[in-house]
């Protein structure tokens, strides 16, 4: 799964680079990029869906057990096999640092890319952070392992 998500991350990073390279001065972020001397190859960073902690890689996603607002149908269904798993849905919704492992097949949707300024080693940079959520999570029966221990 992580290799498939890596492809999404690489594509978003490529699109950001292309956006910067071909940016129109009427862009809502053109002043921010100009101020920080951002070019398509320097002075910007990307924080993707895949994050690293020590020696482990993990998928960083937003989990919504229920729709945020009635108007928006954002909510994540969790299935073990063909059966809705209320237990896993409850577990993920209770703990910010819950890790699940197993044969997991998520359907991911990118919500937005957040843009902000950062100082990295004394150098002003612009950071692009991809915010994604899982539309559905499908887990093969009997393969699920979970942990609330921080990596």
C-alpha atoms as a PDB file:
ATOM      1  CA  UNK A   1       0.000   0.000   0.000  1.00  0.00           C
ATOM      2  CA  UNK A   2       2.687   2.491   0.924  1.00  0.00           C
ATOM      3  CA  UNK A   3       4.219   2.229  -2.558  1.00  0.00           C
ATOM      4  CA  UNK A   4       0.887   3.194  -4.139  1.00  0.00           C
ATOM      5  CA  UNK A   5       0.538   6.160  -1.788  1.00  0.00           C
ATOM      6  CA  UNK A   6       4.127   7.136  -2.599  1.00  0.00           C
ATOM      7  CA  UNK A   7       3.051   7.473  -6.254  1.00  0.00           C
ATOM      8  CA  UNK A   8       0.299   9.903  -5.197  1.00  0.00           C
ATOM      9  CA  UNK A   9       2.804  11.861  -3.089  1.00  0.00           C
ATOM     10  CA  UNK A  10       5.288  12.065  -5.969  1.00  0.00           C
ATOM     11  CA  UNK A  11       2.559  13.230  -8.354  1.00  0.00           C
ATOM     12  CA  UNK A  12       1.425  15.991  -5.984  1.00  0.00           C
ATOM     13  CA  UNK A  13       5.037  17.095  -5.478  1.00  0.00           C
ATOM     14  CA  UNK A  14       5.482  17.202  -9.275  1.00  0.00           C
ATOM     15  CA  UNK A  15       2.282  19.249  -9.682  1.00  0.00           C
ATOM     16  CA  UNK A  16       3.460  21.742  -7.039  1.00  0.00           C
ATOM     17  CA  UNK A  17       6.824  22.097  -8.788  1.00  0.00           C
ATOM     18  CA  UNK A  18       5.067  22.659 -12.118  1.00  0.00           C
ATOM     19  CA  UNK A  19       2.698  25.188 -10.526  1.00  0.00           C
ATOM     20  CA  UNK A  20       5.671  27.154  -9.181  1.00  0.00           C
ATOM     21  CA  UNK A  21       7.524  26.942 -12.509  1.00  0.00           C
ATOM     22  CA  UNK A  22       4.530  28.254 -14.488  1.00  0.00           C
ATOM     23  CA  UNK A  23       3.066  30.532 -11.822  1.00  0.00           C
ATOM     24  CA  UNK A  24       1.000  33.495 -12.873  1.00  0.00           C
ATOM     25  CA  UNK A  25       1.523  36.665 -10.839  1.00  0.00           C
ATOM     26  CA  UNK A  26      -2.224  36.727 -10.138  1.00  0.00           C
ATOM     27  CA  UNK A  27      -1.857  33.493  -8.147  1.00  0.00           C
ATOM     28  CA  UNK A  28      -3.045  33.872  -4.537  1.00  0.00           C
ATOM     29  CA  UNK A  29       0.351  32.617  -3.298  1.00  0.00           C
ATOM     30  CA  UNK A  30       2.621  34.521  -5.710  1.00  0.00           C
ATOM     31  CA  UNK A  31       3.570  37.159  -3.096  1.00  0.00           C
ATOM     32  CA  UNK A  32       4.483  34.449  -0.579  1.00  0.00           C
ATOM     33  CA  UNK A  33       6.638  32.607  -3.117  1.00  0.00           C
ATOM     34  CA  UNK A  34       8.324  35.803  -4.337  1.00  0.00           C
ATOM     35  CA  UNK A  35       9.017  36.971  -0.774  1.00  0.00           C
ATOM     36  CA  UNK A  36      10.759  33.662   0.022  1.00  0.00           C
ATOM     37  CA  UNK A  37      12.599  33.496  -3.341  1.00  0.00           C
ATOM     38  CA  UNK A  38      10.932  30.202  -4.202  1.00  0.00           C
ATOM     39  CA  UNK A  39      11.762  28.591  -7.532  1.00  0.00           C
ATOM     40  CA  UNK A  40      10.518  25.241  -8.757  1.00  0.00           C
ATOM     41  CA  UNK A  41      13.762  23.641  -7.484  1.00  0.00           C
ATOM     42  CA  UNK A  42      14.589  25.561  -4.295  1.00  0.00           C
ATOM     43  CA  UNK A  43      13.333  27.255  -1.124  1.00  0.00           C
ATOM     44  CA  UNK A  44      10.299  25.020  -0.746  1.00  0.00           C
ATOM     45  CA  UNK A  45       9.566  21.728   0.966  1.00  0.00           C
ATOM     46  CA  UNK A  46       6.809  19.181   0.724  1.00  0.00           C
ATOM     47  CA  UNK A  47       5.224  17.294   3.602  1.00  0.00           C
ATOM     48  CA  UNK A  48       3.335  14.454   2.027  1.00  0.00           C
ATOM     49  CA  UNK A  49       0.916  11.729   2.961  1.00  0.00           C
ATOM     50  CA  UNK A  50       3.824   9.444   3.871  1.00  0.00           C
ATOM     51  CA  UNK A  51       5.804  10.536   6.922  1.00  0.00           C
ATOM     52  CA  UNK A  52       8.854   9.087   8.599  1.00  0.00           C
ATOM     53  CA  UNK A  53       9.465   8.589  12.310  1.00  0.00           C
ATOM     54  CA  UNK A  54      12.818   7.114  13.309  1.00  0.00           C
ATOM     55  CA  UNK A  55      13.137   4.115  10.978  1.00  0.00           C
ATOM     56  CA  UNK A  56       9.437   3.599  10.253  1.00  0.00           C
ATOM     57  CA  UNK A  57       7.364   5.067   7.449  1.00  0.00           C
ATOM     58  CA  UNK A  58       3.669   5.614   7.987  1.00  0.00           C
ATOM     59  CA  UNK A  59       0.729   7.101   6.147  1.00  0.00           C
ATOM     60  CA  UNK A  60      -0.424  10.319   7.771  1.00  0.00           C
ATOM     61  CA  UNK A  61      -4.104  10.824   7.112  1.00  0.00           C
ATOM     62  CA  UNK A  62      -7.107  12.536   8.568  1.00  0.00           C
ATOM     63  CA  UNK A  63      -9.710  10.131   9.876  1.00  0.00           C
ATOM     64  CA  UNK A  64     -13.352  11.140  10.098  1.00  0.00           C
ATOM     65  CA  UNK A  65     -15.617   8.508  11.620  1.00  0.00           C
ATOM     66  CA  UNK A  66     -18.685  10.609  10.921  1.00  0.00           C
ATOM     67  CA  UNK A  67     -19.374  13.437   8.480  1.00  0.00           C
ATOM     68  CA  UNK A  68     -17.920  16.761   9.689  1.00  0.00           C
ATOM     69  CA  UNK A  69     -20.976  18.679   8.571  1.00  0.00           C
ATOM     70  CA  UNK A  70     -24.240  17.423   7.226  1.00  0.00           C
ATOM     71  CA  UNK A  71     -23.564  19.283   3.992  1.00  0.00           C
ATOM     72  CA  UNK A  72     -20.323  17.349   3.404  1.00  0.00           C
ATOM     73  CA  UNK A  73     -20.423  13.572   3.274  1.00  0.00           C
ATOM     74  CA  UNK A  74     -16.901  13.098   4.624  1.00  0.00           C
ATOM     75  CA  UNK A  75     -16.750  10.061   6.831  1.00  0.00           C
ATOM     76  CA  UNK A  76     -14.628   6.936   6.667  1.00  0.00           C
ATOM     77  CA  UNK A  77     -16.132   3.484   6.523  1.00  0.00           C
ATOM     78  CA  UNK A  78     -13.911   0.693   7.839  1.00  0.00           C
ATOM     79  CA  UNK A  79     -14.521  -2.838   6.592  1.00  0.00           C
ATOM     80  CA  UNK A  80     -12.886  -6.084   7.723  1.00  0.00           C
ATOM     81  CA  UNK A  81     -13.630  -8.381   4.839  1.00  0.00           C
ATOM     82  CA  UNK A  82     -17.154  -7.478   3.741  1.00  0.00           C
ATOM     83  CA  UNK A  83     -18.338  -6.484   7.230  1.00  0.00           C
ATOM     84  CA  UNK A  84     -18.381  -2.915   8.589  1.00  0.00           C
ATOM     85  CA  UNK A  85     -16.023  -2.797  11.594  1.00  0.00           C
ATOM     86  CA  UNK A  86     -17.428  -0.511  14.264  1.00  0.00           C
ATOM     87  CA  UNK A  87     -14.615  -1.573  16.635  1.00  0.00           C
ATOM     88  CA  UNK A  88     -11.836  -0.331  14.339  1.00  0.00           C
ATOM     89  CA  UNK A  89     -13.799   2.821  13.474  1.00  0.00           C
ATOM     90  CA  UNK A  90     -14.208   3.565  17.195  1.00  0.00           C
ATOM     91  CA  UNK A  91     -10.532   2.836  17.865  1.00  0.00           C
ATOM     92  CA  UNK A  92      -9.336   5.183  15.129  1.00  0.00           C
ATOM     93  CA  UNK A  93     -11.699   7.943  16.235  1.00  0.00           C
ATOM     94  CA  UNK A  94     -10.605   7.839  19.909  1.00  0.00           C
ATOM     95  CA  UNK A  95      -6.839   8.145  19.656  1.00  0.00           C
ATOM     96  CA  UNK A  96      -4.871  10.632  17.608  1.00  0.00           C
ATOM     97  CA  UNK A  97      -1.883   8.307  17.572  1.00  0.00           C
ATOM     98  CA  UNK A  98      -3.434   5.024  16.542  1.00  0.00           C
ATOM     99  CA  UNK A  99      -1.515   2.871  14.109  1.00  0.00           C
ATOM    100  CA  UNK A 100      -3.097  -0.002  12.232  1.00  0.00           C
ATOM    101  CA  UNK A 101      -1.156  -2.675  10.381  1.00  0.00           C
ATOM    102  CA  UNK A 102      -2.246  -5.506   8.143  1.00  0.00           C
ATOM    103  CA  UNK A 103      -3.481  -6.050   4.627  1.00  0.00           C
ATOM    104  CA  UNK A 104      -5.122  -2.640   4.308  1.00  0.00           C
ATOM    105  CA  UNK A 105      -6.612  -1.261   1.113  1.00  0.00           C
ATOM    106  CA  UNK A 106      -7.670   2.375   1.549  1.00  0.00           C
ATOM    107  CA  UNK A 107      -9.371   4.698  -0.870  1.00  0.00           C
ATOM    108  CA  UNK A 108      -7.632   8.046  -0.392  1.00  0.00           C
ATOM    109  CA  UNK A 109      -8.851  11.519  -1.249  1.00  0.00           C
ATOM    110  CA  UNK A 110      -6.667  14.609  -1.065  1.00  0.00           C
ATOM    111  CA  UNK A 111      -8.607  17.380   0.708  1.00  0.00           C
ATOM    112  CA  UNK A 112      -6.238  20.261   0.089  1.00  0.00           C
ATOM    113  CA  UNK A 113      -2.615  21.349   0.121  1.00  0.00           C
ATOM    114  CA  UNK A 114      -1.783  23.774   2.924  1.00  0.00           C
ATOM    115  CA  UNK A 115       0.873  26.427   2.187  1.00  0.00           C
ATOM    116  CA  UNK A 116       2.820  28.164   4.956  1.00  0.00           C
ATOM    117  CA  UNK A 117       6.154  29.826   5.723  1.00  0.00           C
ATOM    118  CA  UNK A 118       8.857  28.085   7.744  1.00  0.00           C
ATOM    119  CA  UNK A 119      12.423  28.727   8.803  1.00  0.00           C
ATOM    120  CA  UNK A 120      14.567  25.654   8.176  1.00  0.00           C
ATOM    121  CA  UNK A 121      18.166  25.962   9.383  1.00  0.00           C
ATOM    122  CA  UNK A 122      17.820  29.751   9.270  1.00  0.00           C
ATOM    123  CA  UNK A 123      16.594  29.752   5.662  1.00  0.00           C
ATOM    124  CA  UNK A 124      13.080  31.064   4.914  1.00  0.00           C
ATOM    125  CA  UNK A 125      11.129  28.362   3.100  1.00  0.00           C
ATOM    126  CA  UNK A 126       7.602  27.752   1.921  1.00  0.00           C
ATOM    127  CA  UNK A 127       6.149  24.418   2.993  1.00  0.00           C
ATOM    128  CA  UNK A 128       3.397  22.618   1.095  1.00  0.00           C
ATOM    129  CA  UNK A 129       1.558  20.066   3.252  1.00  0.00           C
ATOM    130  CA  UNK A 130      -0.782  17.556   1.655  1.00  0.00           C
ATOM    131  CA  UNK A 131      -3.888  16.836   3.722  1.00  0.00           C
ATOM    132  CA  UNK A 132      -5.629  13.616   2.803  1.00  0.00           C
ATOM    133  CA  UNK A 133      -8.324  11.437   4.278  1.00  0.00           C
ATOM    134  CA  UNK A 134      -9.483   7.910   3.682  1.00  0.00           C
ATOM    135  CA  UNK A 135     -12.876   7.591   2.034  1.00  0.00           C
ATOM    136  CA  UNK A 136     -13.007   3.882   2.882  1.00  0.00           C
ATOM    137  CA  UNK A 137     -10.605   1.490   4.554  1.00  0.00           C
ATOM    138  CA  UNK A 138     -10.833  -2.158   3.563  1.00  0.00           C
ATOM    139  CA  UNK A 139      -8.894  -4.646   5.695  1.00  0.00           C
ATOM    140  CA  UNK A 140      -8.445  -8.314   4.847  1.00  0.00           C
ATOM    141  CA  UNK A 141     -10.089 -10.459   7.507  1.00  0.00           C
ATOM    142  CA  UNK A 142      -7.789 -11.620  10.321  1.00  0.00           C
ATOM    143  CA  UNK A 143      -4.836  -9.459   9.209  1.00  0.00           C
ATOM    144  CA  UNK A 144      -5.464  -6.407  11.430  1.00  0.00           C
ATOM    145  CA  UNK A 145      -3.025  -5.385  14.142  1.00  0.00           C
ATOM    146  CA  UNK A 146      -3.257  -2.052  15.936  1.00  0.00           C
ATOM    147  CA  UNK A 147      -1.238   0.010  18.383  1.00  0.00           C
ATOM    148  CA  UNK A 148      -1.631   3.308  20.190  1.00  0.00           C
ATOM    149  CA  UNK A 149       2.081   3.403  21.002  1.00  0.00           C
ATOM    150  CA  UNK A 150       3.870   6.321  19.342  1.00  0.00           C
ATOM    151  CA  UNK A 151       6.487   5.388  16.778  1.00  0.00           C
END
